[in-house]
N, C-alpha and C. Protein backbone atom coordinates (compact mmCIF):
# COMPACT_ATOMS: atom_id res chain seq x y z
N VAL A 1 0.85 -1.17 0.00
CA VAL A 1 0.00 0.00 0.00
C VAL A 1 0.89 1.23 0.00
N PHE A 2 0.54 2.21 -0.81
CA PHE A 2 1.28 3.45 -0.89
C PHE A 2 0.34 4.64 -0.70
N THR A 3 0.86 5.72 -0.15
CA THR A 3 0.10 6.96 -0.07
C THR A 3 0.84 8.04 -0.84
N TYR A 4 0.09 8.98 -1.35
CA TYR A 4 0.66 10.13 -2.05
C TYR A 4 0.33 11.39 -1.27
N GLN A 5 1.35 12.10 -0.83
CA GLN A 5 1.18 13.35 -0.09
C GLN A 5 1.13 14.51 -1.09
N ILE A 6 -0.03 15.08 -1.27
CA ILE A 6 -0.20 16.16 -2.24
C ILE A 6 0.68 17.35 -1.89
N SER A 7 0.77 17.70 -0.62
CA SER A 7 1.52 18.89 -0.21
C SER A 7 3.02 18.78 -0.48
N THR A 8 3.56 17.55 -0.44
CA THR A 8 4.99 17.37 -0.65
C THR A 8 5.32 16.66 -1.96
N SER A 9 4.30 16.19 -2.66
CA SER A 9 4.47 15.41 -3.91
C SER A 9 5.31 14.15 -3.69
N LYS A 10 5.18 13.53 -2.52
CA LYS A 10 5.95 12.34 -2.21
C LYS A 10 5.05 11.12 -2.06
N VAL A 11 5.57 9.97 -2.50
CA VAL A 11 4.90 8.69 -2.34
C VAL A 11 5.56 7.97 -1.17
N GLU A 12 4.73 7.42 -0.27
CA GLU A 12 5.25 6.71 0.89
C GLU A 12 4.70 5.29 0.94
N LYS A 13 5.55 4.33 1.27
CA LYS A 13 5.12 2.95 1.45
C LYS A 13 4.51 2.81 2.85
N LYS A 14 3.36 2.16 2.92
CA LYS A 14 2.69 1.89 4.19
C LYS A 14 2.60 0.39 4.41
N ARG A 15 2.08 -0.02 5.56
CA ARG A 15 1.91 -1.46 5.83
C ARG A 15 0.95 -2.08 4.84
N ASP A 16 1.20 -3.35 4.51
CA ASP A 16 0.32 -4.08 3.60
C ASP A 16 -1.00 -4.41 4.30
N MET A 17 -2.07 -4.50 3.50
CA MET A 17 -3.34 -4.96 4.01
C MET A 17 -3.20 -6.42 4.44
N HIS A 18 -4.10 -6.89 5.27
CA HIS A 18 -4.08 -8.29 5.71
C HIS A 18 -4.38 -9.22 4.53
N VAL A 19 -5.28 -8.79 3.65
CA VAL A 19 -5.70 -9.60 2.51
C VAL A 19 -5.46 -8.80 1.24
N GLY A 20 -4.60 -9.31 0.35
CA GLY A 20 -4.35 -8.63 -0.92
C GLY A 20 -5.57 -8.66 -1.81
N ARG A 21 -5.77 -7.61 -2.60
CA ARG A 21 -6.96 -7.52 -3.44
C ARG A 21 -6.76 -6.50 -4.55
N THR A 22 -7.62 -6.57 -5.54
CA THR A 22 -7.69 -5.57 -6.60
C THR A 22 -9.15 -5.15 -6.74
N SER A 23 -9.40 -4.10 -7.48
CA SER A 23 -10.76 -3.66 -7.82
C SER A 23 -11.66 -3.50 -6.59
N PHE A 24 -11.13 -2.91 -5.54
CA PHE A 24 -11.88 -2.73 -4.30
C PHE A 24 -12.46 -1.32 -4.23
N ALA A 25 -13.38 -1.13 -3.28
CA ALA A 25 -13.90 0.20 -2.98
C ALA A 25 -13.17 0.73 -1.76
N VAL A 26 -13.01 2.05 -1.69
CA VAL A 26 -12.34 2.65 -0.54
C VAL A 26 -13.10 3.90 -0.13
N HIS A 27 -13.10 4.17 1.17
CA HIS A 27 -13.77 5.38 1.67
C HIS A 27 -12.85 6.05 2.69
N TYR A 28 -12.71 7.36 2.52
CA TYR A 28 -11.99 8.17 3.50
C TYR A 28 -12.67 9.52 3.57
N ASP A 29 -13.01 9.94 4.75
CA ASP A 29 -13.62 11.25 4.97
C ASP A 29 -12.54 12.14 5.57
N TYR A 30 -12.17 13.20 4.86
CA TYR A 30 -11.10 14.08 5.32
C TYR A 30 -11.33 14.46 6.78
N GLY A 31 -10.31 14.31 7.58
CA GLY A 31 -10.43 14.60 9.00
C GLY A 31 -10.75 13.39 9.83
N ASP A 32 -11.17 12.30 9.17
CA ASP A 32 -11.44 11.05 9.87
C ASP A 32 -10.12 10.33 10.12
N ARG A 33 -10.14 9.40 11.01
CA ARG A 33 -8.93 8.68 11.38
C ARG A 33 -8.70 7.42 10.56
N PHE A 34 -9.75 6.92 9.89
CA PHE A 34 -9.67 5.63 9.21
C PHE A 34 -9.92 5.71 7.72
N ILE A 35 -9.24 4.84 6.99
CA ILE A 35 -9.51 4.59 5.57
C ILE A 35 -10.12 3.19 5.52
N TYR A 36 -11.29 3.07 4.91
CA TYR A 36 -11.99 1.79 4.84
C TYR A 36 -11.82 1.19 3.45
N VAL A 37 -11.44 -0.10 3.40
CA VAL A 37 -11.29 -0.83 2.14
C VAL A 37 -12.33 -1.94 2.15
N ILE A 38 -13.15 -1.98 1.09
CA ILE A 38 -14.31 -2.85 1.06
C ILE A 38 -14.27 -3.77 -0.16
N GLY A 39 -14.40 -5.08 0.09
CA GLY A 39 -14.53 -6.06 -0.98
C GLY A 39 -13.35 -6.08 -1.93
N GLY A 40 -13.66 -6.36 -3.19
CA GLY A 40 -12.65 -6.43 -4.23
C GLY A 40 -12.53 -7.84 -4.78
N ASN A 41 -11.47 -8.04 -5.54
CA ASN A 41 -11.19 -9.35 -6.14
C ASN A 41 -9.89 -9.89 -5.57
N GLY A 42 -9.92 -11.19 -5.22
CA GLY A 42 -8.73 -11.85 -4.70
C GLY A 42 -8.04 -12.64 -5.79
N LYS A 43 -7.27 -13.63 -5.39
CA LYS A 43 -6.54 -14.47 -6.35
C LYS A 43 -7.51 -15.12 -7.32
N GLY A 44 -7.13 -15.15 -8.58
CA GLY A 44 -7.97 -15.76 -9.60
C GLY A 44 -9.21 -14.95 -9.93
N GLY A 45 -9.28 -13.69 -9.46
CA GLY A 45 -10.42 -12.83 -9.75
C GLY A 45 -11.65 -13.13 -8.92
N LYS A 46 -11.51 -13.95 -7.88
CA LYS A 46 -12.65 -14.31 -7.04
C LYS A 46 -13.13 -13.10 -6.23
N THR A 47 -14.44 -12.85 -6.23
CA THR A 47 -15.03 -11.75 -5.48
C THR A 47 -14.86 -12.00 -3.99
N MET A 48 -14.45 -10.95 -3.29
CA MET A 48 -14.18 -11.06 -1.86
C MET A 48 -15.22 -10.34 -1.02
N LYS A 49 -15.42 -10.82 0.21
CA LYS A 49 -16.32 -10.18 1.17
C LYS A 49 -15.54 -9.47 2.27
N HIS A 50 -14.21 -9.54 2.23
CA HIS A 50 -13.36 -8.98 3.28
C HIS A 50 -13.40 -7.46 3.31
N THR A 51 -13.37 -6.89 4.51
CA THR A 51 -13.25 -5.45 4.69
C THR A 51 -12.17 -5.18 5.74
N GLU A 52 -11.48 -4.08 5.58
CA GLU A 52 -10.43 -3.69 6.52
C GLU A 52 -10.46 -2.18 6.70
N LYS A 53 -9.88 -1.72 7.80
CA LYS A 53 -9.72 -0.28 7.97
C LYS A 53 -8.29 0.01 8.36
N PHE A 54 -7.79 1.17 7.90
CA PHE A 54 -6.43 1.59 8.17
C PHE A 54 -6.47 2.81 9.07
N ASP A 55 -5.81 2.71 10.20
CA ASP A 55 -5.71 3.82 11.15
C ASP A 55 -4.57 4.71 10.69
N VAL A 56 -4.90 5.91 10.22
CA VAL A 56 -3.88 6.79 9.65
C VAL A 56 -2.93 7.35 10.71
N PHE A 57 -3.35 7.39 11.96
CA PHE A 57 -2.47 7.90 13.02
C PHE A 57 -1.47 6.83 13.50
N ASN A 58 -1.94 5.60 13.65
CA ASN A 58 -1.07 4.52 14.13
C ASN A 58 -0.52 3.64 13.01
N GLU A 59 -0.95 3.91 11.77
CA GLU A 59 -0.52 3.15 10.59
C GLU A 59 -0.67 1.65 10.80
N ARG A 60 -1.91 1.25 11.14
CA ARG A 60 -2.23 -0.14 11.44
C ARG A 60 -3.53 -0.55 10.74
N TRP A 61 -3.52 -1.75 10.15
CA TRP A 61 -4.72 -2.32 9.55
C TRP A 61 -5.48 -3.15 10.58
N THR A 62 -6.81 -3.07 10.52
CA THR A 62 -7.68 -3.88 11.37
C THR A 62 -8.70 -4.56 10.46
N THR A 63 -8.90 -5.87 10.68
CA THR A 63 -9.90 -6.61 9.91
C THR A 63 -11.28 -6.25 10.44
N MET A 64 -12.21 -6.01 9.54
CA MET A 64 -13.59 -5.67 9.88
C MET A 64 -14.48 -6.87 9.56
N PRO A 65 -15.75 -6.86 9.99
CA PRO A 65 -16.66 -7.95 9.64
C PRO A 65 -16.81 -8.09 8.13
N GLU A 66 -16.98 -9.33 7.66
CA GLU A 66 -17.18 -9.57 6.24
C GLU A 66 -18.53 -9.04 5.79
N LEU A 67 -18.62 -8.76 4.48
CA LEU A 67 -19.87 -8.32 3.89
C LEU A 67 -20.85 -9.49 3.83
N ASN A 68 -22.13 -9.21 3.90
CA ASN A 68 -23.14 -10.28 3.80
C ASN A 68 -23.25 -10.81 2.39
N VAL A 69 -23.08 -9.95 1.41
CA VAL A 69 -23.23 -10.34 0.00
C VAL A 69 -21.96 -10.02 -0.74
């Protein structure tokens, strides 16, 4: 996982998610502490129900409950 700092134009490497994925949804509300990563595709393009959140202050991933669908 990488972040891009607009103010400094720098890319920074962050901790990897617990579950690798592509084509996921992400939500971040400016001023909030967490970035939420929802679903996506896993190995072989299989649809995933996994969700995780990233604590931007402590730079730590936490596994969230799986999606129902």
